[in-house]
């Protein structure tokens, strides 16, 4: 999954939790902290910080905070050999 950063660049997020049947992906604040980042929650927004710089912002949509993101696409191909 890629977040759209404040500067418009794509930020690759790894180890994103996917739940079958759920239309969103979840980020672990703990995993971000392990990688040296911090997360700041406000009443209507959330920011991911990398040291002294905010790198991504979200808006609160209902109860969850939602970031602009691009999902990785997976493609399945079936291969059958001729015998």
PDB file of N, CA and C in Angstrom:
ATOM      1  N   UNK A   1       0.844  -1.161   0.000  1.00  0.00           N
ATOM      2  CA  UNK A   1       0.000   0.000   0.000  1.00  0.00           C
ATOM      3  C   UNK A   1       0.895   1.232   0.000  1.00  0.00           C
ATOM      4  N   UNK A   2       0.477   2.244  -0.712  1.00  0.00           N
ATOM      5  CA  UNK A   2       1.195   3.507  -0.765  1.00  0.00           C
ATOM      6  C   UNK A   2       0.307   4.629  -0.244  1.00  0.00           C
ATOM      7  N   UNK A   3       0.819   5.408   0.691  1.00  0.00           N
ATOM      8  CA  UNK A   3       0.130   6.619   1.132  1.00  0.00           C
ATOM      9  C   UNK A   3       0.558   7.761   0.227  1.00  0.00           C
ATOM     10  N   UNK A   4      -0.327   8.708   0.032  1.00  0.00           N
ATOM     11  CA  UNK A   4       0.043   9.931  -0.675  1.00  0.00           C
ATOM     12  C   UNK A   4       0.563  10.907   0.366  1.00  0.00           C
ATOM     13  N   UNK A   5       1.833  11.270   0.240  1.00  0.00           N
ATOM     14  CA  UNK A   5       2.456  12.161   1.207  1.00  0.00           C
ATOM     15  C   UNK A   5       2.010  13.598   1.039  1.00  0.00           C
ATOM     16  N   UNK A   6       2.378  14.425   1.993  1.00  0.00           N
ATOM     17  CA  UNK A   6       2.036  15.841   1.955  1.00  0.00           C
ATOM     18  C   UNK A   6       2.572  16.492   0.684  1.00  0.00           C
ATOM     19  N   UNK A   7       3.761  16.053   0.248  1.00  0.00           N
ATOM     20  CA  UNK A   7       4.378  16.617  -0.953  1.00  0.00           C
ATOM     21  C   UNK A   7       3.860  15.979  -2.245  1.00  0.00           C
ATOM     22  N   UNK A   8       2.881  15.070  -2.127  1.00  0.00           N
ATOM     23  CA  UNK A   8       2.310  14.413  -3.298  1.00  0.00           C
ATOM     24  C   UNK A   8       3.033  13.147  -3.712  1.00  0.00           C
ATOM     25  N   UNK A   9       4.172  12.852  -3.084  1.00  0.00           N
ATOM     26  CA  UNK A   9       4.923  11.641  -3.419  1.00  0.00           C
ATOM     27  C   UNK A   9       4.298  10.433  -2.740  1.00  0.00           C
ATOM     28  N   UNK A  10       4.552   9.262  -3.328  1.00  0.00           N
ATOM     29  CA  UNK A  10       4.042   8.009  -2.761  1.00  0.00           C
ATOM     30  C   UNK A  10       4.970   7.534  -1.649  1.00  0.00           C
ATOM     31  N   UNK A  11       4.378   7.088  -0.544  1.00  0.00           N
ATOM     32  CA  UNK A  11       5.133   6.544   0.584  1.00  0.00           C
ATOM     33  C   UNK A  11       4.723   5.087   0.730  1.00  0.00           C
ATOM     34  N   UNK A  12       5.687   4.181   0.547  1.00  0.00           N
ATOM     35  CA  UNK A  12       5.372   2.754   0.637  1.00  0.00           C
ATOM     36  C   UNK A  12       5.219   2.348   2.095  1.00  0.00           C
ATOM     37  N   UNK A  13       4.094   1.730   2.414  1.00  0.00           N
ATOM     38  CA  UNK A  13       3.840   1.215   3.752  1.00  0.00           C
ATOM     39  C   UNK A  13       3.949  -0.307   3.682  1.00  0.00           C
ATOM     40  N   UNK A  14       4.702  -0.893   4.584  1.00  0.00           N
ATOM     41  CA  UNK A  14       4.878  -2.347   4.596  1.00  0.00           C
ATOM     42  C   UNK A  14       4.194  -2.939   5.820  1.00  0.00           C
ATOM     43  N   UNK A  15       3.922  -4.224   5.761  1.00  0.00           N
ATOM     44  CA  UNK A  15       3.257  -4.949   6.851  1.00  0.00           C
ATOM     45  C   UNK A  15       1.906  -4.335   7.198  1.00  0.00           C
ATOM     46  N   UNK A  16       1.124  -4.018   6.171  1.00  0.00           N
ATOM     47  CA  UNK A  16      -0.216  -3.460   6.362  1.00  0.00           C
ATOM     48  C   UNK A  16      -1.190  -4.611   6.550  1.00  0.00           C
ATOM     49  N   UNK A  17      -2.041  -4.509   7.550  1.00  0.00           N
ATOM     50  CA  UNK A  17      -2.997  -5.569   7.852  1.00  0.00           C
ATOM     51  C   UNK A  17      -4.180  -5.499   6.900  1.00  0.00           C
ATOM     52  N   UNK A  18      -4.471  -6.623   6.261  1.00  0.00           N
ATOM     53  CA  UNK A  18      -5.631  -6.720   5.384  1.00  0.00           C
ATOM     54  C   UNK A  18      -6.613  -7.698   6.008  1.00  0.00           C
ATOM     55  N   UNK A  19      -7.854  -7.284   6.090  1.00  0.00           N
ATOM     56  CA  UNK A  19      -8.895  -8.139   6.650  1.00  0.00           C
ATOM     57  C   UNK A  19      -9.840  -8.524   5.523  1.00  0.00           C
ATOM     58  N   UNK A  20     -10.001  -9.830   5.238  1.00  0.00           N
ATOM     59  CA  UNK A  20     -10.899 -10.248   4.160  1.00  0.00           C
ATOM     60  C   UNK A  20     -12.304  -9.683   4.353  1.00  0.00           C
ATOM     61  N   UNK A  21     -12.863  -9.124   3.284  1.00  0.00           N
ATOM     62  CA  UNK A  21     -14.205  -8.570   3.327  1.00  0.00           C
ATOM     63  C   UNK A  21     -14.279  -7.149   3.863  1.00  0.00           C
ATOM     64  N   UNK A  22     -13.174  -6.625   4.367  1.00  0.00           N
ATOM     65  CA  UNK A  22     -13.136  -5.258   4.904  1.00  0.00           C
ATOM     66  C   UNK A  22     -12.619  -4.348   3.803  1.00  0.00           C
ATOM     67  N   UNK A  23     -13.268  -3.229   3.584  1.00  0.00           N
ATOM     68  CA  UNK A  23     -12.907  -2.372   2.452  1.00  0.00           C
ATOM     69  C   UNK A  23     -11.742  -1.419   2.734  1.00  0.00           C
ATOM     70  N   UNK A  24     -11.101  -1.545   3.878  1.00  0.00           N
ATOM     71  CA  UNK A  24      -9.977  -0.677   4.226  1.00  0.00           C
ATOM     72  C   UNK A  24      -8.818  -1.508   4.741  1.00  0.00           C
ATOM     73  N   UNK A  25      -7.641  -0.907   4.719  1.00  0.00           N
ATOM     74  CA  UNK A  25      -6.460  -1.534   5.283  1.00  0.00           C
ATOM     75  C   UNK A  25      -6.099  -0.783   6.554  1.00  0.00           C
ATOM     76  N   UNK A  26      -5.473  -1.478   7.480  1.00  0.00           N
ATOM     77  CA  UNK A  26      -5.171  -0.884   8.784  1.00  0.00           C
ATOM     78  C   UNK A  26      -3.673  -0.676   8.950  1.00  0.00           C
ATOM     79  N   UNK A  27      -3.307   0.450   9.528  1.00  0.00           N
ATOM     80  CA  UNK A  27      -1.917   0.724   9.868  1.00  0.00           C
ATOM     81  C   UNK A  27      -1.743   0.560  11.368  1.00  0.00           C
ATOM     82  N   UNK A  28      -0.638  -0.020  11.767  1.00  0.00           N
ATOM     83  CA  UNK A  28      -0.336  -0.194  13.182  1.00  0.00           C
ATOM     84  C   UNK A  28       0.508   0.984  13.664  1.00  0.00           C
ATOM     85  N   UNK A  29      -0.021   1.742  14.609  1.00  0.00           N
ATOM     86  CA  UNK A  29       0.727   2.857  15.187  1.00  0.00           C
ATOM     87  C   UNK A  29       1.992   2.321  15.860  1.00  0.00           C
ATOM     88  N   UNK A  30       1.881   1.169  16.502  1.00  0.00           N
ATOM     89  CA  UNK A  30       3.042   0.552  17.143  1.00  0.00           C
ATOM     90  C   UNK A  30       4.145   0.220  16.151  1.00  0.00           C
ATOM     91  N   UNK A  31       3.783  -0.312  14.980  1.00  0.00           N
ATOM     92  CA  UNK A  31       4.780  -0.639  13.946  1.00  0.00           C
ATOM     93  C   UNK A  31       5.434   0.629  13.407  1.00  0.00           C
ATOM     94  N   UNK A  32       4.628   1.688  13.226  1.00  0.00           N
ATOM     95  CA  UNK A  32       5.209   2.955  12.778  1.00  0.00           C
ATOM     96  C   UNK A  32       6.212   3.463  13.809  1.00  0.00           C
ATOM     97  N   UNK A  33       5.879   3.358  15.096  1.00  0.00           N
ATOM     98  CA  UNK A  33       6.779   3.801  16.169  1.00  0.00           C
ATOM     99  C   UNK A  33       8.068   2.982  16.175  1.00  0.00           C
ATOM    100  N   UNK A  34       7.961   1.669  15.927  1.00  0.00           N
ATOM    101  CA  UNK A  34       9.155   0.816  15.867  1.00  0.00           C
ATOM    102  C   UNK A  34      10.095   1.260  14.757  1.00  0.00           C
ATOM    103  N   UNK A  35       9.553   1.870  13.720  1.00  0.00           N
ATOM    104  CA  UNK A  35      10.352   2.334  12.581  1.00  0.00           C
ATOM    105  C   UNK A  35      10.769   3.802  12.729  1.00  0.00           C
ATOM    106  N   UNK A  36      10.615   4.348  13.939  1.00  0.00           N
ATOM    107  CA  UNK A  36      11.079   5.705  14.206  1.00  0.00           C
ATOM    108  C   UNK A  36      10.100   6.808  13.847  1.00  0.00           C
ATOM    109  N   UNK A  37       8.870   6.447  13.546  1.00  0.00           N
ATOM    110  CA  UNK A  37       7.863   7.453  13.213  1.00  0.00           C
ATOM    111  C   UNK A  37       6.951   7.674  14.407  1.00  0.00           C
ATOM    112  N   UNK A  38       6.197   8.760  14.363  1.00  0.00           N
ATOM    113  CA  UNK A  38       5.196   9.010  15.394  1.00  0.00           C
ATOM    114  C   UNK A  38       3.898   9.428  14.714  1.00  0.00           C
ATOM    115  N   UNK A  39       2.807   9.298  15.454  1.00  0.00           N
ATOM    116  CA  UNK A  39       1.485   9.626  14.930  1.00  0.00           C
ATOM    117  C   UNK A  39       0.834  10.605  15.895  1.00  0.00           C
ATOM    118  N   UNK A  40       0.308  11.686  15.349  1.00  0.00           N
ATOM    119  CA  UNK A  40      -0.346  12.714  16.158  1.00  0.00           C
ATOM    120  C   UNK A  40      -1.816  12.807  15.748  1.00  0.00           C
ATOM    121  N   UNK A  41      -2.699  12.592  16.708  1.00  0.00           N
ATOM    122  CA  UNK A  41      -4.135  12.646  16.460  1.00  0.00           C
ATOM    123  C   UNK A  41      -4.694  13.974  16.948  1.00  0.00           C
ATOM    124  N   UNK A  42      -5.488  14.610  16.106  1.00  0.00           N
ATOM    125  CA  UNK A  42      -6.242  15.809  16.457  1.00  0.00           C
ATOM    126  C   UNK A  42      -7.722  15.450  16.345  1.00  0.00           C
ATOM    127  N   UNK A  43      -8.592  16.389  16.654  1.00  0.00           N
ATOM    128  CA  UNK A  43     -10.028  16.104  16.629  1.00  0.00           C
ATOM    129  C   UNK A  43     -10.515  15.672  15.247  1.00  0.00           C
ATOM    130  N   UNK A  44     -10.006  16.292  14.185  1.00  0.00           N
ATOM    131  CA  UNK A  44     -10.498  15.983  12.838  1.00  0.00           C
ATOM    132  C   UNK A  44      -9.410  15.571  11.865  1.00  0.00           C
ATOM    133  N   UNK A  45      -8.202  15.337  12.359  1.00  0.00           N
ATOM    134  CA  UNK A  45      -7.109  14.953  11.470  1.00  0.00           C
ATOM    135  C   UNK A  45      -6.079  14.122  12.218  1.00  0.00           C
ATOM    136  N   UNK A  46      -5.184  13.549  11.440  1.00  0.00           N
ATOM    137  CA  UNK A  46      -4.115  12.717  11.988  1.00  0.00           C
ATOM    138  C   UNK A  46      -2.890  12.928  11.103  1.00  0.00           C
ATOM    139  N   UNK A  47      -1.703  12.983  11.703  1.00  0.00           N
ATOM    140  CA  UNK A  47      -0.469  13.165  10.945  1.00  0.00           C
ATOM    141  C   UNK A  47       0.530  12.079  11.319  1.00  0.00           C
ATOM    142  N   UNK A  48       1.242  11.588  10.315  1.00  0.00           N
ATOM    143  CA  UNK A  48       2.366  10.675  10.535  1.00  0.00           C
ATOM    144  C   UNK A  48       3.630  11.515  10.398  1.00  0.00           C
ATOM    145  N   UNK A  49       4.484  11.435  11.417  1.00  0.00           N
ATOM    146  CA  UNK A  49       5.716  12.214  11.464  1.00  0.00           C
ATOM    147  C   UNK A  49       6.919  11.294  11.324  1.00  0.00           C
ATOM    148  N   UNK A  50       7.891  11.728  10.533  1.00  0.00           N
ATOM    149  CA  UNK A  50       9.179  11.058  10.424  1.00  0.00           C
ATOM    150  C   UNK A  50      10.200  12.038  10.985  1.00  0.00           C
ATOM    151  N   UNK A  51      10.575  11.838  12.212  1.00  0.00           N
ATOM    152  CA  UNK A  51      11.432  12.747  12.972  1.00  0.00           C
ATOM    153  C   UNK A  51      10.729  14.092  13.134  1.00  0.00           C
ATOM    154  N   UNK A  52      11.237  15.155  12.538  1.00  0.00           N
ATOM    155  CA  UNK A  52      10.664  16.493  12.743  1.00  0.00           C
ATOM    156  C   UNK A  52       9.743  16.933  11.611  1.00  0.00           C
ATOM    157  N   UNK A  53       9.447  16.032  10.680  1.00  0.00           N
ATOM    158  CA  UNK A  53       8.677  16.407   9.495  1.00  0.00           C
ATOM    159  C   UNK A  53       7.413  15.564   9.380  1.00  0.00           C
ATOM    160  N   UNK A  54       6.268  16.240   9.208  1.00  0.00           N
ATOM    161  CA  UNK A  54       5.023  15.514   8.930  1.00  0.00           C
ATOM    162  C   UNK A  54       5.098  15.024   7.491  1.00  0.00           C
ATOM    163  N   UNK A  55       4.853  13.727   7.284  1.00  0.00           N
ATOM    164  CA  UNK A  55       4.968  13.176   5.930  1.00  0.00           C
ATOM    165  C   UNK A  55       3.622  12.802   5.326  1.00  0.00           C
ATOM    166  N   UNK A  56       2.591  12.604   6.157  1.00  0.00           N
ATOM    167  CA  UNK A  56       1.265  12.247   5.638  1.00  0.00           C
ATOM    168  C   UNK A  56       0.193  12.771   6.584  1.00  0.00           C
ATOM    169  N   UNK A  57      -0.899  13.251   6.001  1.00  0.00           N
ATOM    170  CA  UNK A  57      -2.028  13.763   6.775  1.00  0.00           C
ATOM    171  C   UNK A  57      -3.294  13.027   6.380  1.00  0.00           C
ATOM    172  N   UNK A  58      -4.181  12.844   7.348  1.00  0.00           N
ATOM    173  CA  UNK A  58      -5.473  12.219   7.058  1.00  0.00           C
ATOM    174  C   UNK A  58      -6.586  13.107   7.582  1.00  0.00           C
ATOM    175  N   UNK A  59      -7.776  12.808   7.130  1.00  0.00           N
ATOM    176  CA  UNK A  59      -8.975  13.458   7.659  1.00  0.00           C
ATOM    177  C   UNK A  59      -9.793  12.407   8.385  1.00  0.00           C
ATOM    178  N   UNK A  60     -10.508  12.833   9.395  1.00  0.00           N
ATOM    179  CA  UNK A  60     -11.393  11.920  10.106  1.00  0.00           C
ATOM    180  C   UNK A  60     -12.680  11.804   9.300  1.00  0.00           C
ATOM    181  N   UNK A  61     -13.049  10.578   8.968  1.00  0.00           N
ATOM    182  CA  UNK A  61     -14.270  10.304   8.201  1.00  0.00           C
ATOM    183  C   UNK A  61     -15.134   9.405   9.070  1.00  0.00           C
ATOM    184  N   UNK A  62     -16.125   9.984   9.732  1.00  0.00           N
ATOM    185  CA  UNK A  62     -16.887   9.226  10.721  1.00  0.00           C
ATOM    186  C   UNK A  62     -15.994   9.009  11.924  1.00  0.00           C
ATOM    187  N   UNK A  63     -15.754   7.751  12.276  1.00  0.00           N
ATOM    188  CA  UNK A  63     -14.862   7.456  13.407  1.00  0.00           C
ATOM    189  C   UNK A  63     -13.417   7.205  12.980  1.00  0.00           C
ATOM    190  N   UNK A  64     -13.165   6.549  11.822  1.00  0.00           N
ATOM    191  CA  UNK A  64     -11.760   6.297  11.471  1.00  0.00           C
ATOM    192  C   UNK A  64     -11.084   7.514  10.842  1.00  0.00           C
ATOM    193  N   UNK A  65      -9.766   7.529  10.938  1.00  0.00           N
ATOM    194  CA  UNK A  65      -8.942   8.506  10.236  1.00  0.00           C
ATOM    195  C   UNK A  65      -8.539   7.846   8.925  1.00  0.00           C
ATOM    196  N   UNK A  66      -8.780   8.513   7.811  1.00  0.00           N
ATOM    197  CA  UNK A  66      -8.580   7.904   6.495  1.00  0.00           C
ATOM    198  C   UNK A  66      -7.510   8.678   5.727  1.00  0.00           C
ATOM    199  N   UNK A  67      -6.477   7.960   5.297  1.00  0.00           N
ATOM    200  CA  UNK A  67      -5.409   8.539   4.484  1.00  0.00           C
ATOM    201  C   UNK A  67      -5.698   8.288   3.014  1.00  0.00           C
ATOM    202  N   UNK A  68      -5.264   9.215   2.151  1.00  0.00           N
ATOM    203  CA  UNK A  68      -5.303   8.956   0.715  1.00  0.00           C
ATOM    204  C   UNK A  68      -4.257   7.889   0.445  1.00  0.00           C
ATOM    205  N   UNK A  69      -4.655   6.840  -0.238  1.00  0.00           N
ATOM    206  CA  UNK A  69      -3.697   5.778  -0.504  1.00  0.00           C
ATOM    207  C   UNK A  69      -4.003   5.098  -1.827  1.00  0.00           C
ATOM    208  N   UNK A  70      -3.008   4.362  -2.272  1.00  0.00           N
ATOM    209  CA  UNK A  70      -3.107   3.563  -3.486  1.00  0.00           C
ATOM    210  C   UNK A  70      -2.791   2.134  -3.071  1.00  0.00           C
ATOM    211  N   UNK A  71      -3.689   1.235  -3.362  1.00  0.00           N
ATOM    212  CA  UNK A  71      -3.477  -0.156  -2.974  1.00  0.00           C
ATOM    213  C   UNK A  71      -2.591  -0.851  -3.991  1.00  0.00           C
ATOM    214  N   UNK A  72      -1.764  -1.778  -3.498  1.00  0.00           N
ATOM    215  CA  UNK A  72      -1.013  -2.650  -4.394  1.00  0.00           C
ATOM    216  C   UNK A  72      -2.009  -3.542  -5.105  1.00  0.00           C
ATOM    217  N   UNK A  73      -1.737  -3.810  -6.327  1.00  0.00           N
ATOM    218  CA  UNK A  73      -2.617  -4.684  -7.088  1.00  0.00           C
ATOM    219  C   UNK A  73      -1.956  -6.049  -7.211  1.00  0.00           C
ATOM    220  N   UNK A  74      -2.726  -7.075  -7.016  1.00  0.00           N
ATOM    221  CA  UNK A  74      -2.237  -8.439  -7.188  1.00  0.00           C
ATOM    222  C   UNK A  74      -2.976  -9.049  -8.367  1.00  0.00           C
ATOM    223  N   UNK A  75      -2.248  -9.715  -9.207  1.00  0.00           N
ATOM    224  CA  UNK A  75      -2.849 -10.346 -10.375  1.00  0.00           C
ATOM    225  C   UNK A  75      -2.564 -11.840 -10.317  1.00  0.00           C
ATOM    226  N   UNK A  76      -3.566 -12.639 -10.591  1.00  0.00           N
ATOM    227  CA  UNK A  76      -3.400 -14.088 -10.627  1.00  0.00           C
ATOM    228  C   UNK A  76      -3.390 -14.547 -12.074  1.00  0.00           C
ATOM    229  N   UNK A  77      -2.498 -15.436 -12.368  1.00  0.00           N
ATOM    230  CA  UNK A  77      -2.425 -16.016 -13.698  1.00  0.00           C
ATOM    231  C   UNK A  77      -2.423 -17.518 -13.529  1.00  0.00           C
ATOM    232  N   UNK A  78      -3.249 -18.179 -14.303  1.00  0.00           N
ATOM    233  CA  UNK A  78      -3.268 -19.642 -14.252  1.00  0.00           C
ATOM    234  C   UNK A  78      -2.419 -20.155 -15.393  1.00  0.00           C
ATOM    235  N   UNK A  79      -1.545 -21.075 -15.073  1.00  0.00           N
ATOM    236  CA  UNK A  79      -0.662 -21.653 -16.076  1.00  0.00           C
ATOM    237  C   UNK A  79      -0.988 -23.126 -16.207  1.00  0.00           C
ATOM    238  N   UNK A  80      -1.194 -23.548 -17.411  1.00  0.00           N
ATOM    239  CA  UNK A  80      -1.456 -24.968 -17.667  1.00  0.00           C
ATOM    240  C   UNK A  80      -0.518 -25.411 -18.776  1.00  0.00           C
ATOM    241  N   UNK A  81       0.236 -26.461 -18.529  1.00  0.00           N
ATOM    242  CA  UNK A  81       1.148 -26.957 -19.560  1.00  0.00           C
ATOM    243  C   UNK A  81       0.417 -27.936 -20.461  1.00  0.00           C
ATOM    244  N   UNK A  82       0.864 -27.982 -21.696  1.00  0.00           N
ATOM    245  CA  UNK A  82       0.287 -28.951 -22.641  1.00  0.00           C
ATOM    246  C   UNK A  82       1.013 -30.269 -22.484  1.00  0.00           C
ATOM    247  N   UNK A  83       0.235 -31.329 -22.418  1.00  0.00           N
ATOM    248  CA  UNK A  83       0.868 -32.654 -22.303  1.00  0.00           C
ATOM    249  C   UNK A  83       0.315 -33.577 -23.338  1.00  0.00           C
TER     250      UNK A  83
END
